[in-house]
Amino acid sequence: MSKKKKKRTGKKAATRNWRQRNISTIIAVFLWLLFSGFGYVWCRVQVVQLGYKLSDAHRIHTQFLNDSKKLHLELARLKAPERVERIAIEQLGLNRPRKEQIVVLR
């Protein structure tokens, strides 16, 4: 009878080892899926955050372009010959030159 007990004990031990290996495999697969899922979600969050940053950068770039256009228009207005002449006459008290004061360079 001791041989039968040993066989049964051996079978139980083998079954127990098989179950432990199965449980270990299941846990390993579950953990792999869990971390893979976390990795995927993290990547998606990074993509969304980069999208927001890109959108903000595009908005700022557009705003800078608009400011640049406004500044170019203002510069053109300030450099206008009519304005310069008006300021020279009204604020600085200058007069138009007479014909004999004009020297032509060649």
PDB file of N, CA and C in Angstrom:
ATOM      1  N   MET A   1       0.800  -1.192   0.000  1.00  0.00           N
ATOM      2  CA  MET A   1       0.000   0.000   0.000  1.00  0.00           C
ATOM      3  C   MET A   1       0.844   1.258   0.000  1.00  0.00           C
ATOM      4  N   SER A   2       2.001   1.160   0.500  1.00  0.00           N
ATOM      5  CA  SER A   2       2.848   2.342   0.544  1.00  0.00           C
ATOM      6  C   SER A   2       3.229   2.793  -0.868  1.00  0.00           C
ATOM      7  N   LYS A   3       3.334   1.854  -1.810  1.00  0.00           N
ATOM      8  CA  LYS A   3       3.628   2.214  -3.188  1.00  0.00           C
ATOM      9  C   LYS A   3       2.473   2.999  -3.797  1.00  0.00           C
ATOM     10  N   LYS A   4       1.245   2.606  -3.491  1.00  0.00           N
ATOM     11  CA  LYS A   4       0.083   3.316  -4.012  1.00  0.00           C
ATOM     12  C   LYS A   4       0.031   4.729  -3.430  1.00  0.00           C
ATOM     13  N   LYS A   5       0.358   4.831  -2.128  1.00  0.00           N
ATOM     14  CA  LYS A   5       0.366   6.150  -1.504  1.00  0.00           C
ATOM     15  C   LYS A   5       1.410   7.047  -2.153  1.00  0.00           C
ATOM     16  N   LYS A   6       2.576   6.476  -2.428  1.00  0.00           N
ATOM     17  CA  LYS A   6       3.627   7.257  -3.053  1.00  0.00           C
ATOM     18  C   LYS A   6       3.203   7.696  -4.448  1.00  0.00           C
ATOM     19  N   LYS A   7       2.536   6.826  -5.202  1.00  0.00           N
ATOM     20  CA  LYS A   7       2.082   7.184  -6.542  1.00  0.00           C
ATOM     21  C   LYS A   7       1.051   8.293  -6.457  1.00  0.00           C
ATOM     22  N   ARG A   8       0.135   8.160  -5.488  1.00  0.00           N
ATOM     23  CA  ARG A   8      -0.889   9.194  -5.336  1.00  0.00           C
ATOM     24  C   ARG A   8      -0.248  10.503  -4.894  1.00  0.00           C
ATOM     25  N   THR A   9       0.677  10.421  -3.990  1.00  0.00           N
ATOM     26  CA  THR A   9       1.363  11.612  -3.514  1.00  0.00           C
ATOM     27  C   THR A   9       2.151  12.225  -4.653  1.00  0.00           C
ATOM     28  N   GLY A  10       2.766  11.409  -5.468  1.00  0.00           N
ATOM     29  CA  GLY A  10       3.515  11.890  -6.632  1.00  0.00           C
ATOM     30  C   GLY A  10       2.598  12.564  -7.639  1.00  0.00           C
ATOM     31  N   LYS A  11       1.418  11.978  -7.825  1.00  0.00           N
ATOM     32  CA  LYS A  11       0.450  12.572  -8.752  1.00  0.00           C
ATOM     33  C   LYS A  11      -0.049  13.902  -8.205  1.00  0.00           C
ATOM     34  N   LYS A  12      -0.289  13.960  -6.904  1.00  0.00           N
ATOM     35  CA  LYS A  12      -0.767  15.197  -6.280  1.00  0.00           C
ATOM     36  C   LYS A  12       0.310  16.280  -6.394  1.00  0.00           C
ATOM     37  N   ALA A  13       1.524  15.881  -6.151  1.00  0.00           N
ATOM     38  CA  ALA A  13       2.627  16.844  -6.237  1.00  0.00           C
ATOM     39  C   ALA A  13       2.771  17.335  -7.680  1.00  0.00           C
ATOM     40  N   ALA A  14       2.653  16.432  -8.634  1.00  0.00           N
ATOM     41  CA  ALA A  14       2.759  16.818 -10.040  1.00  0.00           C
ATOM     42  C   ALA A  14       1.604  17.744 -10.426  1.00  0.00           C
ATOM     43  N   THR A  15       0.407  17.416  -9.937  1.00  0.00           N
ATOM     44  CA  THR A  15      -0.753  18.256 -10.211  1.00  0.00           C
ATOM     45  C   THR A  15      -0.573  19.629  -9.578  1.00  0.00           C
ATOM     46  N   ARG A  16      -0.074  19.653  -8.348  1.00  0.00           N
ATOM     47  CA  ARG A  16       0.162  20.910  -7.634  1.00  0.00           C
ATOM     48  C   ARG A  16       1.194  21.750  -8.393  1.00  0.00           C
ATOM     49  N   ASN A  17       2.277  21.112  -8.846  1.00  0.00           N
ATOM     50  CA  ASN A  17       3.303  21.825  -9.612  1.00  0.00           C
ATOM     51  C   ASN A  17       2.728  22.377 -10.926  1.00  0.00           C
ATOM     52  N   TRP A  18       1.904  21.568 -11.569  1.00  0.00           N
ATOM     53  CA  TRP A  18       1.283  21.995 -12.824  1.00  0.00           C
ATOM     54  C   TRP A  18       0.374  23.198 -12.577  1.00  0.00           C
ATOM     55  N   ARG A  19      -0.412  23.159 -11.509  1.00  0.00           N
ATOM     56  CA  ARG A  19      -1.297  24.276 -11.165  1.00  0.00           C
ATOM     57  C   ARG A  19      -0.485  25.529 -10.838  1.00  0.00           C
ATOM     58  N   GLN A  20       0.595  25.372 -10.113  1.00  0.00           N
ATOM     59  CA  GLN A  20       1.427  26.524  -9.767  1.00  0.00           C
ATOM     60  C   GLN A  20       2.034  27.148 -11.028  1.00  0.00           C
ATOM     61  N   ARG A  21       2.466  26.286 -11.950  1.00  0.00           N
ATOM     62  CA  ARG A  21       3.011  26.802 -13.198  1.00  0.00           C
ATOM     63  C   ARG A  21       1.929  27.504 -14.010  1.00  0.00           C
ATOM     64  N   ASN A  22       0.732  26.926 -14.020  1.00  0.00           N
ATOM     65  CA  ASN A  22      -0.380  27.549 -14.742  1.00  0.00           C
ATOM     66  C   ASN A  22      -0.737  28.900 -14.126  1.00  0.00           C
ATOM     67  N   ILE A  23      -0.802  28.947 -12.817  1.00  0.00           N
ATOM     68  CA  ILE A  23      -1.124  30.193 -12.127  1.00  0.00           C
ATOM     69  C   ILE A  23      -0.028  31.225 -12.382  1.00  0.00           C
ATOM     70  N   SER A  24       1.217  30.785 -12.315  1.00  0.00           N
ATOM     71  CA  SER A  24       2.333  31.694 -12.585  1.00  0.00           C
ATOM     72  C   SER A  24       2.255  32.231 -14.015  1.00  0.00           C
ATOM     73  N   THR A  25       1.938  31.363 -14.960  1.00  0.00           N
ATOM     74  CA  THR A  25       1.821  31.782 -16.354  1.00  0.00           C
ATOM     75  C   THR A  25       0.669  32.765 -16.524  1.00  0.00           C
ATOM     76  N   ILE A  26      -0.457  32.454 -15.904  1.00  0.00           N
ATOM     77  CA  ILE A  26      -1.622  33.342 -15.990  1.00  0.00           C
ATOM     78  C   ILE A  26      -1.296  34.704 -15.376  1.00  0.00           C
ATOM     79  N   ILE A  27      -0.636  34.707 -14.233  1.00  0.00           N
ATOM     80  CA  ILE A  27      -0.262  35.968 -13.586  1.00  0.00           C
ATOM     81  C   ILE A  27       0.714  36.741 -14.470  1.00  0.00           C
ATOM     82  N   ALA A  28       1.681  36.052 -15.053  1.00  0.00           N
ATOM     83  CA  ALA A  28       2.657  36.712 -15.920  1.00  0.00           C
ATOM     84  C   ALA A  28       1.967  37.323 -17.139  1.00  0.00           C
ATOM     85  N   VAL A  29       1.046  36.582 -17.759  1.00  0.00           N
ATOM     86  CA  VAL A  29       0.323  37.096 -18.923  1.00  0.00           C
ATOM     87  C   VAL A  29      -0.539  38.293 -18.513  1.00  0.00           C
ATOM     88  N   PHE A  30      -1.210  38.183 -17.372  1.00  0.00           N
ATOM     89  CA  PHE A  30      -2.042  39.282 -16.879  1.00  0.00           C
ATOM     90  C   PHE A  30      -1.194  40.540 -16.634  1.00  0.00           C
ATOM     91  N   LEU A  31      -0.045  40.372 -15.977  1.00  0.00           N
ATOM     92  CA  LEU A  31       0.828  41.516 -15.714  1.00  0.00           C
ATOM     93  C   LEU A  31       1.361  42.117 -17.008  1.00  0.00           C
ATOM     94  N   TRP A  32       1.717  41.263 -17.965  1.00  0.00           N
ATOM     95  CA  TRP A  32       2.188  41.755 -19.253  1.00  0.00           C
ATOM     96  C   TRP A  32       1.099  42.570 -19.938  1.00  0.00           C
ATOM     97  N   LEU A  33      -0.150  42.050 -19.945  1.00  0.00           N
ATOM     98  CA  LEU A  33      -1.264  42.780 -20.549  1.00  0.00           C
ATOM     99  C   LEU A  33      -1.520  44.096 -19.815  1.00  0.00           C
ATOM    100  N   LEU A  34      -1.437  44.053 -18.495  1.00  0.00           N
ATOM    101  CA  LEU A  34      -1.670  45.249 -17.689  1.00  0.00           C
ATOM    102  C   LEU A  34      -0.634  46.326 -18.023  1.00  0.00           C
ATOM    103  N   PHE A  35       0.647  45.955 -18.005  1.00  0.00           N
ATOM    104  CA  PHE A  35       1.684  46.939 -18.295  1.00  0.00           C
ATOM    105  C   PHE A  35       1.658  47.387 -19.754  1.00  0.00           C
ATOM    106  N   SER A  36       1.295  46.490 -20.641  1.00  0.00           N
ATOM    107  CA  SER A  36       1.148  46.879 -22.046  1.00  0.00           C
ATOM    108  C   SER A  36       0.020  47.895 -22.189  1.00  0.00           C
ATOM    109  N   GLY A  37      -1.070  47.658 -21.489  1.00  0.00           N
ATOM    110  CA  GLY A  37      -2.184  48.616 -21.502  1.00  0.00           C
ATOM    111  C   GLY A  37      -1.777  49.959 -20.944  1.00  0.00           C
ATOM    112  N   PHE A  38      -1.060  49.952 -19.829  1.00  0.00           N
ATOM    113  CA  PHE A  38      -0.572  51.209 -19.250  1.00  0.00           C
ATOM    114  C   PHE A  38       0.358  51.923 -20.226  1.00  0.00           C
ATOM    115  N   GLY A  39       1.220  51.167 -20.882  1.00  0.00           N
ATOM    116  CA  GLY A  39       2.132  51.760 -21.864  1.00  0.00           C
ATOM    117  C   GLY A  39       1.374  52.392 -23.025  1.00  0.00           C
ATOM    118  N   TYR A  40       0.355  51.701 -23.506  1.00  0.00           N
ATOM    119  CA  TYR A  40      -0.454  52.227 -24.609  1.00  0.00           C
ATOM    120  C   TYR A  40      -1.174  53.503 -24.193  1.00  0.00           C
ATOM    121  N   VAL A  41      -1.777  53.484 -23.021  1.00  0.00           N
ATOM    122  CA  VAL A  41      -2.491  54.667 -22.533  1.00  0.00           C
ATOM    123  C   VAL A  41      -1.520  55.827 -22.348  1.00  0.00           C
ATOM    124  N   TRP A  42      -0.335  55.559 -21.801  1.00  0.00           N
ATOM    125  CA  TRP A  42       0.657  56.606 -21.604  1.00  0.00           C
ATOM    126  C   TRP A  42       1.046  57.228 -22.942  1.00  0.00           C
ATOM    127  N   CYS A  43       1.250  56.371 -23.961  1.00  0.00           N
ATOM    128  CA  CYS A  43       1.605  56.880 -25.291  1.00  0.00           C
ATOM    129  C   CYS A  43       0.501  57.768 -25.849  1.00  0.00           C
ATOM    130  N   ARG A  44      -0.732  57.345 -25.708  1.00  0.00           N
ATOM    131  CA  ARG A  44      -1.859  58.135 -26.212  1.00  0.00           C
ATOM    132  C   ARG A  44      -1.947  59.478 -25.489  1.00  0.00           C
ATOM    133  N   VAL A  45      -1.734  59.477 -24.174  1.00  0.00           N
ATOM    134  CA  VAL A  45      -1.762  60.729 -23.403  1.00  0.00           C
ATOM    135  C   VAL A  45      -0.658  61.657 -23.896  1.00  0.00           C
ATOM    136  N   GLN A  46       0.526  61.113 -24.172  1.00  0.00           N
ATOM    137  CA  GLN A  46       1.627  61.925 -24.673  1.00  0.00           C
ATOM    138  C   GLN A  46       1.271  62.526 -26.028  1.00  0.00           C
ATOM    139  N   VAL A  47       0.633  61.758 -26.886  1.00  0.00           N
ATOM    140  CA  VAL A  47       0.232  62.255 -28.207  1.00  0.00           C
ATOM    141  C   VAL A  47      -0.765  63.404 -28.048  1.00  0.00           C
ATOM    142  N   VAL A  48      -1.724  63.249 -27.153  1.00  0.00           N
ATOM    143  CA  VAL A  48      -2.715  64.305 -26.932  1.00  0.00           C
ATOM    144  C   VAL A  48      -2.035  65.562 -26.383  1.00  0.00           C
ATOM    145  N   GLN A  49      -1.135  65.403 -25.425  1.00  0.00           N
ATOM    146  CA  GLN A  49      -0.437  66.559 -24.855  1.00  0.00           C
ATOM    147  C   GLN A  49       0.407  67.261 -25.914  1.00  0.00           C
ATOM    148  N   LEU A  50       1.079  66.500 -26.755  1.00  0.00           N
ATOM    149  CA  LEU A  50       1.865  67.113 -27.826  1.00  0.00           C
ATOM    150  C   LEU A  50       0.963  67.831 -28.824  1.00  0.00           C
ATOM    151  N   GLY A  51      -0.215  67.270 -29.055  1.00  0.00           N
ATOM    152  CA  GLY A  51      -1.191  67.940 -29.923  1.00  0.00           C
ATOM    153  C   GLY A  51      -1.602  69.291 -29.352  1.00  0.00           C
ATOM    154  N   TYR A  52      -1.847  69.336 -28.044  1.00  0.00           N
ATOM    155  CA  TYR A  52      -2.193  70.607 -27.396  1.00  0.00           C
ATOM    156  C   TYR A  52      -1.034  71.597 -27.503  1.00  0.00           C
ATOM    157  N   LYS A  53       0.181  71.136 -27.269  1.00  0.00           N
ATOM    158  CA  LYS A  53       1.345  72.021 -27.361  1.00  0.00           C
ATOM    159  C   LYS A  53       1.514  72.538 -28.787  1.00  0.00           C
ATOM    160  N   LEU A  54       1.313  71.665 -29.763  1.00  0.00           N
ATOM    161  CA  LEU A  54       1.424  72.063 -31.158  1.00  0.00           C
ATOM    162  C   LEU A  54       0.357  73.088 -31.511  1.00  0.00           C
ATOM    163  N   SER A  55      -0.843  72.886 -31.025  1.00  0.00           N
ATOM    164  CA  SER A  55      -1.931  73.829 -31.266  1.00  0.00           C
ATOM    165  C   SER A  55      -1.610  75.191 -30.653  1.00  0.00           C
ATOM    166  N   ASP A  56      -1.089  75.200 -29.432  1.00  0.00           N
ATOM    167  CA  ASP A  56      -0.697  76.460 -28.784  1.00  0.00           C
ATOM    168  C   ASP A  56       0.412  77.147 -29.568  1.00  0.00           C
ATOM    169  N   ALA A  57       1.398  76.384 -30.018  1.00  0.00           N
ATOM    170  CA  ALA A  57       2.506  76.957 -30.788  1.00  0.00           C
ATOM    171  C   ALA A  57       1.993  77.556 -32.099  1.00  0.00           C
ATOM    172  N   HIS A  58       1.046  76.875 -32.735  1.00  0.00           N
ATOM    173  CA  HIS A  58       0.474  77.374 -33.978  1.00  0.00           C
ATOM    174  C   HIS A  58      -0.289  78.677 -33.721  1.00  0.00           C
ATOM    175  N   ARG A  59      -1.034  78.732 -32.625  1.00  0.00           N
ATOM    176  CA  ARG A  59      -1.787  79.935 -32.269  1.00  0.00           C
ATOM    177  C   ARG A  59      -0.834  81.101 -32.010  1.00  0.00           C
ATOM    178  N   ILE A  60       0.241  80.848 -31.276  1.00  0.00           N
ATOM    179  CA  ILE A  60       1.221  81.891 -30.980  1.00  0.00           C
ATOM    180  C   ILE A  60       1.907  82.358 -32.271  1.00  0.00           C
ATOM    181  N   HIS A  61       2.243  81.408 -33.145  1.00  0.00           N
ATOM    182  CA  HIS A  61       2.874  81.754 -34.426  1.00  0.00           C
ATOM    183  C   HIS A  61       1.953  82.659 -35.244  1.00  0.00           C
ATOM    184  N   THR A  62       0.675  82.321 -35.313  1.00  0.00           N
ATOM    185  CA  THR A  62      -0.295  83.133 -36.043  1.00  0.00           C
ATOM    186  C   THR A  62      -0.397  84.527 -35.430  1.00  0.00           C
ATOM    187  N   GLN A  63      -0.396  84.584 -34.106  1.00  0.00           N
ATOM    188  CA  GLN A  63      -0.456  85.874 -33.429  1.00  0.00           C
ATOM    189  C   GLN A  63       0.790  86.709 -33.750  1.00  0.00           C
ATOM    190  N   PHE A  64       1.968  86.095 -33.769  1.00  0.00           N
ATOM    191  CA  PHE A  64       3.193  86.813 -34.123  1.00  0.00           C
ATOM    192  C   PHE A  64       3.146  87.313 -35.566  1.00  0.00           C
ATOM    193  N   LEU A  65       2.613  86.502 -36.467  1.00  0.00           N
ATOM    194  CA  LEU A  65       2.488  86.941 -37.857  1.00  0.00           C
ATOM    195  C   LEU A  65       1.571  88.151 -37.968  1.00  0.00           C
ATOM    196  N   ASN A  66       0.449  88.131 -37.242  1.00  0.00           N
ATOM    197  CA  ASN A  66      -0.467  89.272 -37.260  1.00  0.00           C
ATOM    198  C   ASN A  66       0.202  90.516 -36.681  1.00  0.00           C
ATOM    199  N   ASP A  67       0.928  90.348 -35.578  1.00  0.00           N
ATOM    200  CA  ASP A  67       1.644  91.477 -34.981  1.00  0.00           C
ATOM    201  C   ASP A  67       2.691  92.026 -35.947  1.00  0.00           C
ATOM    202  N   SER A  68       3.378  91.150 -36.643  1.00  0.00           N
ATOM    203  CA  SER A  68       4.386  91.575 -37.604  1.00  0.00           C
ATOM    204  C   SER A  68       3.759  92.392 -38.729  1.00  0.00           C
ATOM    205  N   LYS A  69       2.621  91.933 -39.241  1.00  0.00           N
ATOM    206  CA  LYS A  69       1.927  92.678 -40.299  1.00  0.00           C
ATOM    207  C   LYS A  69       1.516  94.061 -39.804  1.00  0.00           C
ATOM    208  N   LYS A  70       0.988  94.124 -38.580  1.00  0.00           N
ATOM    209  CA  LYS A  70       0.580  95.416 -38.016  1.00  0.00           C
ATOM    210  C   LYS A  70       1.782  96.345 -37.867  1.00  0.00           C
ATOM    211  N   LEU A  71       2.908  95.797 -37.410  1.00  0.00           N
ATOM    212  CA  LEU A  71       4.104  96.617 -37.238  1.00  0.00           C
ATOM    213  C   LEU A  71       4.643  97.114 -38.583  1.00  0.00           C
ATOM    214  N   HIS A  72       4.588  96.278 -39.612  1.00  0.00           N
ATOM    215  CA  HIS A  72       5.032  96.716 -40.935  1.00  0.00           C
ATOM    216  C   HIS A  72       4.145  97.843 -41.460  1.00  0.00           C
ATOM    217  N   LEU A  73       2.834  97.715 -41.234  1.00  0.00           N
ATOM    218  CA  LEU A  73       1.919  98.777 -41.660  1.00  0.00           C
ATOM    219  C   LEU A  73       2.190 100.064 -40.895  1.00  0.00           C
ATOM    220  N   GLU A  74       2.419  99.962 -39.608  1.00  0.00           N
ATOM    221  CA  GLU A  74       2.707 101.144 -38.807  1.00  0.00           C
ATOM    222  C   GLU A  74       4.016 101.805 -39.247  1.00  0.00           C
ATOM    223  N   LEU A  75       5.026 100.989 -39.544  1.00  0.00           N
ATOM    224  CA  LEU A  75       6.300 101.521 -40.023  1.00  0.00           C
ATOM    225  C   LEU A  75       6.111 102.262 -41.339  1.00  0.00           C
ATOM    226  N   ALA A  76       5.347 101.689 -42.243  1.00  0.00           N
ATOM    227  CA  ALA A  76       5.089 102.344 -43.531  1.00  0.00           C
ATOM    228  C   ALA A  76       4.351 103.666 -43.311  1.00  0.00           C
ATOM    229  N   ARG A  77       3.408 103.683 -42.391  1.00  0.00           N
ATOM    230  CA  ARG A  77       2.671 104.909 -42.094  1.00  0.00           C
ATOM    231  C   ARG A  77       3.600 105.967 -41.509  1.00  0.00           C
ATOM    232  N   LEU A  78       4.485 105.547 -40.599  1.00  0.00           N
ATOM    233  CA  LEU A  78       5.396 106.501 -39.974  1.00  0.00           C
ATOM    234  C   LEU A  78       6.443 107.042 -40.943  1.00  0.00           C
ATOM    235  N   LYS A  79       6.812 106.244 -41.936  1.00  0.00           N
ATOM    236  CA  LYS A  79       7.820 106.669 -42.916  1.00  0.00           C
ATOM    237  C   LYS A  79       7.219 107.423 -44.101  1.00  0.00           C
ATOM    238  N   ALA A  80       5.919 107.573 -44.143  1.00  0.00           N
ATOM    239  CA  ALA A  80       5.258 108.210 -45.287  1.00  0.00           C
ATOM    240  C   ALA A  80       5.807 109.626 -45.477  1.00  0.00           C
ATOM    241  N   PRO A  81       6.184 109.985 -46.706  1.00  0.00           N
ATOM    242  CA  PRO A  81       6.767 111.312 -46.960  1.00  0.00           C
ATOM    243  C   PRO A  81       5.843 112.469 -46.561  1.00  0.00           C
ATOM    244  N   GLU A  82       4.548 112.301 -46.752  1.00  0.00           N
ATOM    245  CA  GLU A  82       3.603 113.353 -46.380  1.00  0.00           C
ATOM    246  C   GLU A  82       3.654 113.620 -44.882  1.00  0.00           C
ATOM    247  N   ARG A  83       3.734 112.571 -44.106  1.00  0.00           N
ATOM    248  CA  ARG A  83       3.789 112.704 -42.644  1.00  0.00           C
ATOM    249  C   ARG A  83       5.094 113.371 -42.222  1.00  0.00           C
ATOM    250  N   VAL A  84       6.196 112.924 -42.801  1.00  0.00           N
ATOM    251  CA  VAL A  84       7.505 113.492 -42.459  1.00  0.00           C
ATOM    252  C   VAL A  84       7.524 114.984 -42.801  1.00  0.00           C
ATOM    253  N   GLU A  85       6.977 115.335 -43.964  1.00  0.00           N
ATOM    254  CA  GLU A  85       6.948 116.742 -44.372  1.00  0.00           C
ATOM    255  C   GLU A  85       6.074 117.572 -43.426  1.00  0.00           C
ATOM    256  N   ARG A  86       4.920 117.053 -43.065  1.00  0.00           N
ATOM    257  CA  ARG A  86       4.016 117.762 -42.158  1.00  0.00           C
ATOM    258  C   ARG A  86       4.686 118.008 -40.810  1.00  0.00           C
ATOM    259  N   ILE A  87       5.370 116.981 -40.260  1.00  0.00           N
ATOM    260  CA  ILE A  87       6.064 117.126 -38.971  1.00  0.00           C
ATOM    261  C   ILE A  87       7.200 118.137 -39.094  1.00  0.00           C
ATOM    262  N   ALA A  88       7.917 118.105 -40.225  1.00  0.00           N
ATOM    263  CA  ALA A  88       9.022 119.042 -40.419  1.00  0.00           C
ATOM    264  C   ALA A  88       8.524 120.480 -40.442  1.00  0.00           C
ATOM    265  N   ILE A  89       7.406 120.704 -41.079  1.00  0.00           N
ATOM    266  CA  ILE A  89       6.873 122.063 -41.195  1.00  0.00           C
ATOM    267  C   ILE A  89       6.213 122.502 -39.892  1.00  0.00           C
ATOM    268  N   GLU A  90       5.317 121.660 -39.340  1.00  0.00           N
ATOM    269  CA  GLU A  90       4.508 122.059 -38.180  1.00  0.00           C
ATOM    270  C   GLU A  90       5.298 122.031 -36.866  1.00  0.00           C
ATOM    271  N   GLN A  91       6.033 120.987 -36.623  1.00  0.00           N
ATOM    272  CA  GLN A  91       6.679 120.824 -35.313  1.00  0.00           C
ATOM    273  C   GLN A  91       8.109 121.358 -35.276  1.00  0.00           C
ATOM    274  N   LEU A  92       8.827 121.224 -36.387  1.00  0.00           N
ATOM    275  CA  LEU A  92      10.228 121.628 -36.389  1.00  0.00           C
ATOM    276  C   LEU A  92      10.449 123.016 -36.994  1.00  0.00           C
ATOM    277  N   GLY A  93       9.418 123.568 -37.597  1.00  0.00           N
ATOM    278  CA  GLY A  93       9.514 124.915 -38.163  1.00  0.00           C
ATOM    279  C   GLY A  93      10.387 124.996 -39.400  1.00  0.00           C
ATOM    280  N   LEU A  94      10.513 123.944 -40.139  1.00  0.00           N
ATOM    281  CA  LEU A  94      11.311 123.940 -41.369  1.00  0.00           C
ATOM    282  C   LEU A  94      10.459 124.416 -42.537  1.00  0.00           C
ATOM    283  N   ASN A  95      11.100 124.921 -43.573  1.00  0.00           N
ATOM    284  CA  ASN A  95      10.401 125.360 -44.790  1.00  0.00           C
ATOM    285  C   ASN A  95      10.917 124.546 -45.961  1.00  0.00           C
ATOM    286  N   ARG A  96      10.154 124.618 -47.063  1.00  0.00           N
ATOM    287  CA  ARG A  96      10.610 123.959 -48.289  1.00  0.00           C
ATOM    288  C   ARG A  96      11.827 124.712 -48.810  1.00  0.00           C
ATOM    289  N   PRO A  97      12.798 124.006 -49.371  1.00  0.00           N
ATOM    290  CA  PRO A  97      13.992 124.704 -49.867  1.00  0.00           C
ATOM    291  C   PRO A  97      13.680 125.533 -51.119  1.00  0.00           C
ATOM    292  N   ARG A  98      14.405 126.646 -51.262  1.00  0.00           N
ATOM    293  CA  ARG A  98      14.268 127.447 -52.476  1.00  0.00           C
ATOM    294  C   ARG A  98      15.100 126.787 -53.575  1.00  0.00           C
ATOM    295  N   LYS A  99      14.888 127.233 -54.815  1.00  0.00           N
ATOM    296  CA  LYS A  99      15.577 126.619 -55.960  1.00  0.00           C
ATOM    297  C   LYS A  99      17.091 126.739 -55.832  1.00  0.00           C
ATOM    298  N   GLU A 100      17.591 127.832 -55.318  1.00  0.00           N
ATOM    299  CA  GLU A 100      19.038 128.008 -55.231  1.00  0.00           C
ATOM    300  C   GLU A 100      19.659 127.174 -54.117  1.00  0.00           C
ATOM    301  N   GLN A 101      18.830 126.671 -53.188  1.00  0.00           N
ATOM    302  CA  GLN A 101      19.340 125.839 -52.105  1.00  0.00           C
ATOM    303  C   GLN A 101      19.458 124.368 -52.505  1.00  0.00           C
ATOM    304  N   ILE A 102      18.863 123.984 -53.589  1.00  0.00           N
ATOM    305  CA  ILE A 102      18.859 122.584 -54.035  1.00  0.00           C
ATOM    306  C   ILE A 102      20.110 122.311 -54.837  1.00  0.00           C
ATOM    307  N   VAL A 103      20.874 121.278 -54.451  1.00  0.00           N
ATOM    308  CA  VAL A 103      22.073 120.885 -55.176  1.00  0.00           C
ATOM    309  C   VAL A 103      21.840 119.470 -55.706  1.00  0.00           C
ATOM    310  N   VAL A 104      22.005 119.284 -56.989  1.00  0.00           N
ATOM    311  CA  VAL A 104      21.815 117.979 -57.610  1.00  0.00           C
ATOM    312  C   VAL A 104      23.174 117.296 -57.721  1.00  0.00           C
ATOM    313  N   LEU A 105      23.315 116.113 -57.226  1.00  0.00           N
ATOM    314  CA  LEU A 105      24.546 115.337 -57.296  1.00  0.00           C
ATOM    315  C   LEU A 105      24.464 114.338 -58.437  1.00  0.00           C
ATOM    316  N   ARG A 106      25.599 114.240 -59.168  1.00  0.00           N
ATOM    317  CA  ARG A 106      25.605 113.285 -60.285  1.00  0.00           C
ATOM    318  C   ARG A 106      26.663 112.267 -60.091  1.00  0.00           C
TER     319      ARG A 106
END
